[in-house]
């Protein structure tokens, strides 16, 4: 999932087919897939950013006397 979260257009292509069947309309399926894929990518990026900030702060706390 980490690999797919970094590539939202690839995730869109994968999600478009099942969503096409669910909604019965290809364009609606692609639009929802695009929205979902970019939302997942955004959440993943925010998670990675928060993890890097936490690790940087813990390193700074360890270096202070």
C-alpha atoms as a PDB file:
ATOM      1  CA  UNK A   1       0.000   0.000   0.000  1.00  0.00           C
ATOM      2  CA  UNK A   2       2.921   2.345   0.684  1.00  0.00           C
ATOM      3  CA  UNK A   3       4.004   2.030  -2.941  1.00  0.00           C
ATOM      4  CA  UNK A   4       0.504   2.791  -4.216  1.00  0.00           C
ATOM      5  CA  UNK A   5       0.078   5.757  -1.887  1.00  0.00           C
ATOM      6  CA  UNK A   6       3.144   7.356  -3.466  1.00  0.00           C
ATOM      7  CA  UNK A   7       1.741   6.943  -6.996  1.00  0.00           C
ATOM      8  CA  UNK A   8      -1.792   8.358  -7.045  1.00  0.00           C
ATOM      9  CA  UNK A   9      -2.318   7.997 -10.811  1.00  0.00           C
ATOM     10  CA  UNK A  10      -1.485   4.292 -10.672  1.00  0.00           C
ATOM     11  CA  UNK A  11      -3.840   3.881  -7.719  1.00  0.00           C
ATOM     12  CA  UNK A  12      -6.504   5.742  -9.718  1.00  0.00           C
ATOM     13  CA  UNK A  13      -6.159   3.284 -12.577  1.00  0.00           C
ATOM     14  CA  UNK A  14      -6.583   0.381 -10.160  1.00  0.00           C
ATOM     15  CA  UNK A  15      -9.583   1.932  -8.373  1.00  0.00           C
ATOM     16  CA  UNK A  16     -11.360   3.115 -11.527  1.00  0.00           C
ATOM     17  CA  UNK A  17     -12.469  -0.344 -12.698  1.00  0.00           C
ATOM     18  CA  UNK A  18     -14.246  -1.456  -9.493  1.00  0.00           C
ATOM     19  CA  UNK A  19     -15.748   2.000  -9.006  1.00  0.00           C
ATOM     20  CA  UNK A  20     -16.978   1.929 -12.598  1.00  0.00           C
ATOM     21  CA  UNK A  21     -18.903  -1.238 -11.741  1.00  0.00           C
ATOM     22  CA  UNK A  22     -20.200   0.236  -8.476  1.00  0.00           C
ATOM     23  CA  UNK A  23     -21.454   3.510  -9.949  1.00  0.00           C
ATOM     24  CA  UNK A  24     -22.305   2.184 -13.406  1.00  0.00           C
ATOM     25  CA  UNK A  25     -20.657   5.194 -15.036  1.00  0.00           C
ATOM     26  CA  UNK A  26     -17.009   5.300 -16.113  1.00  0.00           C
ATOM     27  CA  UNK A  27     -16.541   9.048 -15.690  1.00  0.00           C
ATOM     28  CA  UNK A  28     -17.989   9.075 -12.193  1.00  0.00           C
ATOM     29  CA  UNK A  29     -15.819   6.080 -11.276  1.00  0.00           C
ATOM     30  CA  UNK A  30     -12.675   7.805 -12.545  1.00  0.00           C
ATOM     31  CA  UNK A  31     -13.501  11.063 -10.752  1.00  0.00           C
ATOM     32  CA  UNK A  32     -14.131   9.296  -7.454  1.00  0.00           C
ATOM     33  CA  UNK A  33     -10.978   7.198  -7.955  1.00  0.00           C
ATOM     34  CA  UNK A  34      -8.917  10.351  -8.580  1.00  0.00           C
ATOM     35  CA  UNK A  35     -10.302  12.004  -5.480  1.00  0.00           C
ATOM     36  CA  UNK A  36      -9.695   8.915  -3.345  1.00  0.00           C
ATOM     37  CA  UNK A  37      -6.181   8.329  -4.711  1.00  0.00           C
ATOM     38  CA  UNK A  38      -5.023  11.886  -4.133  1.00  0.00           C
ATOM     39  CA  UNK A  39      -6.614  11.898  -0.676  1.00  0.00           C
ATOM     40  CA  UNK A  40      -4.741   8.696   0.206  1.00  0.00           C
ATOM     41  CA  UNK A  41      -1.494  10.182  -1.165  1.00  0.00           C
ATOM     42  CA  UNK A  42      -2.042  13.349   0.871  1.00  0.00           C
ATOM     43  CA  UNK A  43      -2.650  11.389   4.070  1.00  0.00           C
ATOM     44  CA  UNK A  44       0.450   9.271   3.446  1.00  0.00           C
ATOM     45  CA  UNK A  45       2.594  12.370   2.835  1.00  0.00           C
ATOM     46  CA  UNK A  46       1.338  14.022   6.014  1.00  0.00           C
ATOM     47  CA  UNK A  47       2.047  10.850   7.984  1.00  0.00           C
ATOM     48  CA  UNK A  48       5.618  10.631   6.652  1.00  0.00           C
ATOM     49  CA  UNK A  49       6.174  14.331   7.346  1.00  0.00           C
ATOM     50  CA  UNK A  50       4.929  13.986  10.910  1.00  0.00           C
ATOM     51  CA  UNK A  51       7.132  10.933  11.494  1.00  0.00           C
ATOM     52  CA  UNK A  52      10.219  12.769  10.233  1.00  0.00           C
ATOM     53  CA  UNK A  53       9.458  15.783  12.444  1.00  0.00           C
ATOM     54  CA  UNK A  54       8.981  13.554  15.482  1.00  0.00           C
ATOM     55  CA  UNK A  55      12.255  11.737  14.877  1.00  0.00           C
ATOM     56  CA  UNK A  56      14.088  15.050  14.348  1.00  0.00           C
ATOM     57  CA  UNK A  57      12.664  16.471  17.591  1.00  0.00           C
ATOM     58  CA  UNK A  58      13.614  13.368  19.557  1.00  0.00           C
ATOM     59  CA  UNK A  59      17.177  13.603  18.200  1.00  0.00           C
ATOM     60  CA  UNK A  60      17.347  17.265  19.220  1.00  0.00           C
ATOM     61  CA  UNK A  61      16.036  16.426  22.698  1.00  0.00           C
ATOM     62  CA  UNK A  62      18.708  13.749  23.110  1.00  0.00           C
ATOM     63  CA  UNK A  63      21.535  16.142  22.208  1.00  0.00           C
ATOM     64  CA  UNK A  64      20.541  18.811  24.746  1.00  0.00           C
ATOM     65  CA  UNK A  65      22.415  18.502  28.084  1.00  0.00           C
END
